[in-house]
Structures are given as C-alpha cells and as structure tokens.
PDB file of N, CA and C in Angstrom:
ATOM      1  N   UNK A   1      14.246 -42.032  -7.072  1.00  0.00           N
ATOM      2  CA  UNK A   1      13.328 -43.150  -7.980  1.00  0.00           C
ATOM      3  C   UNK A   1      11.843 -43.862  -7.500  1.00  0.00           C
ATOM      4  N   UNK A   2      11.639 -43.653  -6.076  1.00  0.00           N
ATOM      5  CA  UNK A   2      10.588 -43.932  -5.397  1.00  0.00           C
ATOM      6  C   UNK A   2       9.485 -42.431  -6.014  1.00  0.00           C
ATOM      7  N   UNK A   3      10.194 -41.383  -5.950  1.00  0.00           N
ATOM      8  CA  UNK A   3       9.472 -40.269  -6.039  1.00  0.00           C
ATOM      9  C   UNK A   3       8.775 -40.161  -7.406  1.00  0.00           C
ATOM     10  N   UNK A   4       9.381 -40.539  -8.356  1.00  0.00           N
ATOM     11  CA  UNK A   4       9.127 -40.867  -9.706  1.00  0.00           C
ATOM     12  C   UNK A   4       8.186 -41.824  -9.531  1.00  0.00           C
ATOM     13  N   UNK A   5       8.567 -43.541  -9.062  1.00  0.00           N
ATOM     14  CA  UNK A   5       7.529 -44.074  -9.240  1.00  0.00           C
ATOM     15  C   UNK A   5       6.149 -43.668  -8.707  1.00  0.00           C
ATOM     16  N   UNK A   6       6.187 -43.173  -7.604  1.00  0.00           N
ATOM     17  CA  UNK A   6       4.727 -42.398  -6.732  1.00  0.00           C
ATOM     18  C   UNK A   6       4.078 -41.310  -7.576  1.00  0.00           C
ATOM     19  N   UNK A   7       4.814 -40.590  -8.208  1.00  0.00           N
ATOM     20  CA  UNK A   7       4.633 -39.511  -8.925  1.00  0.00           C
ATOM     21  C   UNK A   7       3.769 -40.112 -10.292  1.00  0.00           C
ATOM     22  N   UNK A   8       3.826 -41.214 -10.669  1.00  0.00           N
ATOM     23  CA  UNK A   8       3.249 -41.918 -11.919  1.00  0.00           C
ATOM     24  C   UNK A   8       2.323 -42.476 -11.315  1.00  0.00           C
ATOM     25  N   UNK A   9       2.279 -43.151 -10.136  1.00  0.00           N
ATOM     26  CA  UNK A   9       1.452 -43.719  -9.670  1.00  0.00           C
ATOM     27  C   UNK A   9      -0.098 -42.992  -9.582  1.00  0.00           C
ATOM     28  N   UNK A  10       0.359 -41.369  -8.674  1.00  0.00           N
ATOM     29  CA  UNK A  10      -0.380 -40.578  -8.807  1.00  0.00           C
ATOM     30  C   UNK A  10      -1.457 -40.025  -9.769  1.00  0.00           C
ATOM     31  N   UNK A  11      -0.473 -39.691 -10.758  1.00  0.00           N
ATOM     32  CA  UNK A  11      -1.102 -39.161 -11.832  1.00  0.00           C
ATOM     33  C   UNK A  11      -2.043 -40.291 -12.878  1.00  0.00           C
ATOM     34  N   UNK A  12      -1.789 -41.831 -12.699  1.00  0.00           N
ATOM     35  CA  UNK A  12      -2.450 -42.332 -13.373  1.00  0.00           C
ATOM     36  C   UNK A  12      -3.742 -42.599 -12.624  1.00  0.00           C
ATOM     37  N   UNK A  13      -4.019 -42.376 -11.006  1.00  0.00           N
ATOM     38  CA  UNK A  13      -5.028 -42.317 -10.034  1.00  0.00           C
ATOM     39  C   UNK A  13      -6.045 -41.142 -10.753  1.00  0.00           C
ATOM     40  N   UNK A  14      -5.256 -39.937 -10.794  1.00  0.00           N
ATOM     41  CA  UNK A  14      -5.546 -38.762 -11.051  1.00  0.00           C
ATOM     42  C   UNK A  14      -6.823 -38.903 -12.154  1.00  0.00           C
ATOM     43  N   UNK A  15      -5.872 -39.422 -13.428  1.00  0.00           N
ATOM     44  CA  UNK A  15      -6.488 -39.936 -14.695  1.00  0.00           C
ATOM     45  C   UNK A  15      -7.851 -40.502 -14.568  1.00  0.00           C
ATOM     46  N   UNK A  16      -7.296 -41.717 -13.538  1.00  0.00           N
ATOM     47  CA  UNK A  16      -8.782 -43.133 -13.440  1.00  0.00           C
ATOM     48  C   UNK A  16      -9.783 -42.406 -12.543  1.00  0.00           C
ATOM     49  N   UNK A  17      -9.293 -41.681 -12.143  1.00  0.00           N
ATOM     50  CA  UNK A  17     -10.754 -41.360 -10.974  1.00  0.00           C
ATOM     51  C   UNK A  17     -11.643 -40.434 -11.755  1.00  0.00           C
ATOM     52  N   UNK A  18     -10.989 -39.381 -12.698  1.00  0.00           N
ATOM     53  CA  UNK A  18     -11.769 -38.537 -13.902  1.00  0.00           C
ATOM     54  C   UNK A  18     -12.425 -38.819 -15.233  1.00  0.00           C
ATOM     55  N   UNK A  19     -11.826 -39.928 -15.443  1.00  0.00           N
ATOM     56  CA  UNK A  19     -12.422 -40.234 -17.072  1.00  0.00           C
ATOM     57  C   UNK A  19     -13.884 -40.764 -17.043  1.00  0.00           C
ATOM     58  N   UNK A  20     -14.599 -40.442 -18.017  1.00  0.00           N
ATOM     59  CA  UNK A  20     -16.060 -40.701 -17.989  1.00  0.00           C
ATOM     60  C   UNK A  20     -16.524 -42.115 -18.475  1.00  0.00           C
ATOM     61  N   UNK A  21     -15.738 -42.944 -17.902  1.00  0.00           N
ATOM     62  CA  UNK A  21     -16.148 -44.693 -18.303  1.00  0.00           C
ATOM     63  C   UNK A  21     -16.736 -45.214 -17.189  1.00  0.00           C
ATOM     64  N   UNK A  22     -17.703 -46.286 -17.970  1.00  0.00           N
ATOM     65  CA  UNK A  22     -18.388 -46.856 -16.638  1.00  0.00           C
ATOM     66  C   UNK A  22     -17.418 -47.446 -15.546  1.00  0.00           C
ATOM     67  N   UNK A  23     -16.139 -47.974 -15.697  1.00  0.00           N
ATOM     68  CA  UNK A  23     -15.389 -48.505 -14.907  1.00  0.00           C
ATOM     69  C   UNK A  23     -14.508 -47.768 -13.979  1.00  0.00           C
ATOM     70  N   UNK A  24     -14.474 -46.318 -14.572  1.00  0.00           N
ATOM     71  CA  UNK A  24     -13.771 -45.199 -13.835  1.00  0.00           C
ATOM     72  C   UNK A  24     -14.594 -45.073 -12.609  1.00  0.00           C
ATOM     73  N   UNK A  25     -13.730 -43.885 -11.770  1.00  0.00           N
ATOM     74  CA  UNK A  25     -14.493 -43.540 -10.456  1.00  0.00           C
ATOM     75  C   UNK A  25     -15.487 -42.436 -10.780  1.00  0.00           C
ATOM     76  N   UNK A  26     -15.357 -41.804 -11.991  1.00  0.00           N
ATOM     77  CA  UNK A  26     -16.424 -40.565 -12.639  1.00  0.00           C
ATOM     78  C   UNK A  26     -16.538 -39.787 -11.352  1.00  0.00           C
ATOM     79  N   UNK A  27     -15.453 -39.088 -10.497  1.00  0.00           N
ATOM     80  CA  UNK A  27     -15.279 -38.160  -9.806  1.00  0.00           C
ATOM     81  C   UNK A  27     -15.238 -36.641 -10.658  1.00  0.00           C
ATOM     82  N   UNK A  28     -15.353 -36.488 -12.113  1.00  0.00           N
ATOM     83  CA  UNK A  28     -15.148 -35.386 -12.574  1.00  0.00           C
ATOM     84  C   UNK A  28     -16.121 -34.019 -12.220  1.00  0.00           C
ATOM     85  N   UNK A  29     -17.149 -34.062 -12.104  1.00  0.00           N
ATOM     86  CA  UNK A  29     -18.133 -33.392 -11.594  1.00  0.00           C
ATOM     87  C   UNK A  29     -17.734 -32.934  -9.889  1.00  0.00           C
ATOM     88  N   UNK A  30     -17.250 -33.705  -9.032  1.00  0.00           N
ATOM     89  CA  UNK A  30     -16.885 -33.603  -7.625  1.00  0.00           C
ATOM     90  C   UNK A  30     -15.623 -32.586  -7.778  1.00  0.00           C
ATOM     91  N   UNK A  31     -15.126 -33.193  -8.773  1.00  0.00           N
ATOM     92  CA  UNK A  31     -13.644 -31.894  -8.986  1.00  0.00           C
ATOM     93  C   UNK A  31     -13.776 -30.769  -9.540  1.00  0.00           C
ATOM     94  N   UNK A  32     -14.789 -30.619 -10.241  1.00  0.00           N
ATOM     95  CA  UNK A  32     -15.089 -29.707 -10.856  1.00  0.00           C
ATOM     96  C   UNK A  32     -15.705 -28.578  -9.523  1.00  0.00           C
ATOM     97  N   UNK A  33     -16.626 -29.325  -8.845  1.00  0.00           N
ATOM     98  CA  UNK A  33     -17.120 -28.615  -7.726  1.00  0.00           C
ATOM     99  C   UNK A  33     -16.203 -27.886  -6.581  1.00  0.00           C
ATOM    100  N   UNK A  34     -15.109 -28.945  -6.586  1.00  0.00           N
ATOM    101  CA  UNK A  34     -14.284 -28.567  -5.818  1.00  0.00           C
ATOM    102  C   UNK A  34     -13.490 -27.379  -6.306  1.00  0.00           C
ATOM    103  N   UNK A  35     -13.139 -27.142  -7.507  1.00  0.00           N
ATOM    104  CA  UNK A  35     -12.473 -26.281  -8.137  1.00  0.00           C
ATOM    105  C   UNK A  35     -13.145 -24.901  -8.233  1.00  0.00           C
ATOM    106  N   UNK A  36     -14.566 -25.048  -8.415  1.00  0.00           N
ATOM    107  CA  UNK A  36     -15.241 -23.597  -8.317  1.00  0.00           C
ATOM    108  C   UNK A  36     -15.464 -23.146  -6.959  1.00  0.00           C
ATOM    109  N   UNK A  37     -15.487 -24.079  -5.898  1.00  0.00           N
ATOM    110  CA  UNK A  37     -15.160 -23.627  -4.694  1.00  0.00           C
ATOM    111  C   UNK A  37     -13.871 -23.004  -3.858  1.00  0.00           C
ATOM    112  N   UNK A  38     -13.012 -23.601  -4.542  1.00  0.00           N
ATOM    113  CA  UNK A  38     -11.675 -23.173  -4.091  1.00  0.00           C
ATOM    114  C   UNK A  38     -11.093 -22.125  -4.779  1.00  0.00           C
ATOM    115  N   UNK A  39     -11.889 -21.701  -5.910  1.00  0.00           N
ATOM    116  CA  UNK A  39     -11.118 -20.387  -6.858  1.00  0.00           C
ATOM    117  C   UNK A  39     -11.099 -19.055  -6.206  1.00  0.00           C
ATOM    118  N   UNK A  40     -12.470 -19.015  -5.643  1.00  0.00           N
ATOM    119  CA  UNK A  40     -12.829 -17.485  -4.908  1.00  0.00           C
ATOM    120  C   UNK A  40     -11.950 -17.606  -3.664  1.00  0.00           C
ATOM    121  N   UNK A  41     -11.643 -18.629  -2.936  1.00  0.00           N
ATOM    122  CA  UNK A  41     -10.678 -18.681  -1.698  1.00  0.00           C
ATOM    123  C   UNK A  41      -9.177 -18.407  -2.162  1.00  0.00           C
ATOM    124  N   UNK A  42      -9.053 -19.056  -3.436  1.00  0.00           N
ATOM    125  CA  UNK A  42      -7.426 -18.791  -3.557  1.00  0.00           C
ATOM    126  C   UNK A  42      -7.521 -17.453  -3.958  1.00  0.00           C
ATOM    127  N   UNK A  43      -8.048 -16.862  -4.772  1.00  0.00           N
ATOM    128  CA  UNK A  43      -8.284 -15.399  -5.396  1.00  0.00           C
ATOM    129  C   UNK A  43      -8.200 -14.311  -4.137  1.00  0.00           C
ATOM    130  N   UNK A  44      -8.787 -14.712  -2.624  1.00  0.00           N
ATOM    131  CA  UNK A  44      -8.513 -13.886  -1.747  1.00  0.00           C
ATOM    132  C   UNK A  44      -7.491 -13.773  -1.049  1.00  0.00           C
ATOM    133  N   UNK A  45      -6.638 -15.336  -0.930  1.00  0.00           N
ATOM    134  CA  UNK A  45      -5.583 -15.694  -0.490  1.00  0.00           C
ATOM    135  C   UNK A  45      -4.384 -14.601  -1.357  1.00  0.00           C
ATOM    136  N   UNK A  46      -4.376 -14.618  -2.733  1.00  0.00           N
ATOM    137  CA  UNK A  46      -3.453 -14.645  -3.694  1.00  0.00           C
ATOM    138  C   UNK A  46      -3.312 -12.618  -3.422  1.00  0.00           C
ATOM    139  N   UNK A  47      -4.802 -12.265  -3.404  1.00  0.00           N
ATOM    140  CA  UNK A  47      -5.524 -10.464  -3.132  1.00  0.00           C
ATOM    141  C   UNK A  47      -4.459 -10.282  -2.011  1.00  0.00           C
ATOM    142  N   UNK A  48      -4.589 -10.754  -0.698  1.00  0.00           N
ATOM    143  CA  UNK A  48      -4.366 -10.675   0.734  1.00  0.00           C
ATOM    144  C   UNK A  48      -2.579 -10.589   0.722  1.00  0.00           C
ATOM    145  N   UNK A  49      -1.912 -11.316  -0.336  1.00  0.00           N
ATOM    146  CA  UNK A  49      -0.664 -11.614  -0.201  1.00  0.00           C
ATOM    147  C   UNK A  49      -0.169 -10.518  -1.090  1.00  0.00           C
ATOM    148  N   UNK A  50      -0.784  -9.962  -2.200  1.00  0.00           N
ATOM    149  CA  UNK A  50      -0.580  -8.903  -2.812  1.00  0.00           C
ATOM    150  C   UNK A  50      -0.490  -7.163  -2.374  1.00  0.00           C
ATOM    151  N   UNK A  51      -1.640  -7.498  -1.551  1.00  0.00           N
ATOM    152  CA  UNK A  51      -1.811  -6.381  -0.464  1.00  0.00           C
ATOM    153  C   UNK A  51      -0.527  -6.074   0.347  1.00  0.00           C
ATOM    154  N   UNK A  52      -0.120  -7.128   0.847  1.00  0.00           N
ATOM    155  CA  UNK A  52       0.923  -7.218   1.879  1.00  0.00           C
ATOM    156  C   UNK A  52       2.134  -7.127   1.337  1.00  0.00           C
ATOM    157  N   UNK A  53       2.425  -7.403   0.200  1.00  0.00           N
ATOM    158  CA  UNK A  53       3.498  -7.131  -0.532  1.00  0.00           C
ATOM    159  C   UNK A  53       3.761  -5.705  -0.783  1.00  0.00           C
ATOM    160  N   UNK A  54       2.169  -4.687  -1.610  1.00  0.00           N
ATOM    161  CA  UNK A  54       2.454  -3.687  -1.818  1.00  0.00           C
ATOM    162  C   UNK A  54       2.552  -2.752  -0.607  1.00  0.00           C
ATOM    163  N   UNK A  55       2.178  -2.844   0.492  1.00  0.00           N
ATOM    164  CA  UNK A  55       2.438  -2.543   1.818  1.00  0.00           C
ATOM    165  C   UNK A  55       4.184  -2.260   1.947  1.00  0.00           C
ATOM    166  N   UNK A  56       4.539  -3.530   1.950  1.00  0.00           N
ATOM    167  CA  UNK A  56       5.857  -3.673   2.374  1.00  0.00           C
ATOM    168  C   UNK A  56       6.910  -2.667   1.278  1.00  0.00           C
ATOM    169  N   UNK A  57       5.879  -3.017   0.058  1.00  0.00           N
ATOM    170  CA  UNK A  57       6.775  -1.965  -1.090  1.00  0.00           C
ATOM    171  C   UNK A  57       7.018  -0.339  -0.673  1.00  0.00           C
ATOM    172  N   UNK A  58       5.755   0.081  -0.321  1.00  0.00           N
ATOM    173  CA  UNK A  58       5.616   1.466   0.163  1.00  0.00           C
ATOM    174  C   UNK A  58       6.446   1.860   1.134  1.00  0.00           C
ATOM    175  N   UNK A  59       6.487   0.779   1.957  1.00  0.00           N
ATOM    176  CA  UNK A  59       7.485   1.115   3.056  1.00  0.00           C
ATOM    177  C   UNK A  59       8.849   1.350   2.879  1.00  0.00           C
ATOM    178  N   UNK A  60       9.318   0.368   1.794  1.00  0.00           N
ATOM    179  CA  UNK A  60      10.690   0.302   1.824  1.00  0.00           C
ATOM    180  C   UNK A  60      10.837   1.767   0.861  1.00  0.00           C
ATOM    181  N   UNK A  61      10.271   2.345  -0.292  1.00  0.00           N
ATOM    182  CA  UNK A  61      10.380   3.170  -0.860  1.00  0.00           C
ATOM    183  C   UNK A  61      10.585   4.533   0.028  1.00  0.00           C
ATOM    184  N   UNK A  62       9.943   4.401   1.320  1.00  0.00           N
ATOM    185  CA  UNK A  62       9.817   5.517   2.350  1.00  0.00           C
ATOM    186  C   UNK A  62      11.075   5.894   2.644  1.00  0.00           C
ATOM    187  N   UNK A  63      11.436   4.265   3.575  1.00  0.00           N
ATOM    188  CA  UNK A  63      12.881   4.209   4.007  1.00  0.00           C
ATOM    189  C   UNK A  63      13.718   4.793   2.801  1.00  0.00           C
ATOM    190  N   UNK A  64      13.621   4.347   1.962  1.00  0.00           N
ATOM    191  CA  UNK A  64      14.852   4.644   0.722  1.00  0.00           C
ATOM    192  C   UNK A  64      14.930   6.112   0.576  1.00  0.00           C
ATOM    193  N   UNK A  65      13.676   6.718   0.759  1.00  0.00           N
ATOM    194  CA  UNK A  65      13.374   8.174   0.390  1.00  0.00           C
ATOM    195  C   UNK A  65      14.083   8.852   1.570  1.00  0.00           C
ATOM    196  N   UNK A  66      13.979   8.516   2.614  1.00  0.00           N
ATOM    197  CA  UNK A  66      14.530   8.992   3.839  1.00  0.00           C
ATOM    198  C   UNK A  66      16.077   8.997   3.851  1.00  0.00           C
ATOM    199  N   UNK A  67      16.609   7.435   3.397  1.00  0.00           N
ATOM    200  CA  UNK A  67      18.132   7.507   3.576  1.00  0.00           C
ATOM    201  C   UNK A  67      18.611   8.519   2.558  1.00  0.00           C
ATOM    202  N   UNK A  68      18.028   8.706   1.460  1.00  0.00           N
ATOM    203  CA  UNK A  68      18.608   9.524   0.266  1.00  0.00           C
ATOM    204  C   UNK A  68      18.617  10.952   0.688  1.00  0.00           C
ATOM    205  N   UNK A  69      17.633  11.383   1.628  1.00  0.00           N
ATOM    206  CA  UNK A  69      17.597  12.611   2.349  1.00  0.00           C
ATOM    207  C   UNK A  69      18.659  12.887   3.133  1.00  0.00           C
ATOM    208  N   UNK A  70      18.906  12.034   3.991  1.00  0.00           N
ATOM    209  CA  UNK A  70      20.066  11.978   5.009  1.00  0.00           C
ATOM    210  C   UNK A  70      21.038  12.209   4.480  1.00  0.00           C
ATOM    211  N   UNK A  71      21.503  11.442   3.104  1.00  0.00           N
ATOM    212  CA  UNK A  71      22.583  11.423   2.947  1.00  0.00           C
ATOM    213  C   UNK A  71      23.124  12.658   1.872  1.00  0.00           C
ATOM    214  N   UNK A  72      21.834  13.508   1.513  1.00  0.00           N
ATOM    215  CA  UNK A  72      21.779  14.797   0.785  1.00  0.00           C
ATOM    216  C   UNK A  72      22.254  15.529   2.095  1.00  0.00           C
ATOM    217  N   UNK A  73      21.671  15.404   3.276  1.00  0.00           N
ATOM    218  CA  UNK A  73      21.551  17.004   4.276  1.00  0.00           C
ATOM    219  C   UNK A  73      23.176  16.428   4.751  1.00  0.00           C
ATOM    220  N   UNK A  74      24.177  15.115   4.986  1.00  0.00           N
ATOM    221  CA  UNK A  74      25.272  14.758   5.132  1.00  0.00           C
ATOM    222  C   UNK A  74      26.242  15.425   4.331  1.00  0.00           C
ATOM    223  N   UNK A  75      25.752  15.553   3.141  1.00  0.00           N
ATOM    224  CA  UNK A  75      26.832  16.011   1.999  1.00  0.00           C
ATOM    225  C   UNK A  75      26.963  17.339   2.069  1.00  0.00           C
ATOM    226  N   UNK A  76      25.515  18.430   2.144  1.00  0.00           N
ATOM    227  CA  UNK A  76      25.796  19.499   2.039  1.00  0.00           C
ATOM    228  C   UNK A  76      26.249  20.245   3.260  1.00  0.00           C
ATOM    229  N   UNK A  77      25.853  19.258   4.564  1.00  0.00           N
ATOM    230  CA  UNK A  77      27.053  19.805   6.001  1.00  0.00           C
ATOM    231  C   UNK A  77      28.291  19.612   5.512  1.00  0.00           C
ATOM    232  N   UNK A  78      28.835  18.337   5.019  1.00  0.00           N
ATOM    233  CA  UNK A  78      30.708  18.550   4.820  1.00  0.00           C
ATOM    234  C   UNK A  78      30.634  19.102   3.814  1.00  0.00           C
ATOM    235  N   UNK A  79      30.127  19.568   3.047  1.00  0.00           N
ATOM    236  CA  UNK A  79      30.448  20.649   1.776  1.00  0.00           C
ATOM    237  C   UNK A  79      30.796  21.886   2.373  1.00  0.00           C
ATOM    238  N   UNK A  80      29.841  22.518   3.272  1.00  0.00           N
ATOM    239  CA  UNK A  80      29.828  23.818   3.863  1.00  0.00           C
ATOM    240  C   UNK A  80      30.847  24.285   4.664  1.00  0.00           C
TER     241      UNK A  80
END
C-alpha cells in the first residue's frame, strides 16, 4: 500500500514538474536536455551488452560443436 501511494506521489510530482504553466516547475527543457545527453550513453551500454552476448553465443556454439564432434568420434569408436 505504501508503494502504491509513493508511486502515485512520484507520478504526480513528475507531471507537476514538467507541465508548462506558470505555477509549475517548468523543468521540461531540463528533462529534454538530460534525455538528449543520456541517449548516447544508454546506446553505448546497450551496444556493449549486445557485444558481450554475441561473444558468449559464439563461444557456446563452438563448445557445442566440439561436444558434437566428440560424441561422433565416440560413436564411431564404439561401433568399430
């Protein structure tokens, strides 16, 4: 219940801080500036995560191929 009330208060504060009226905080330009500066940083972080996931995927495929080759060689040895 406390989380719900706090969530509602934070949403109301966010709306109050960016609405373009004389009695509001009028932080919309500051919010836009922060978003413009944060998007390249976020894109770089997402890109790094994607690179790490890609490297891990390639390693997994190589390991799976090695295990498959080992299984084939064991089957041919047992069959002969």
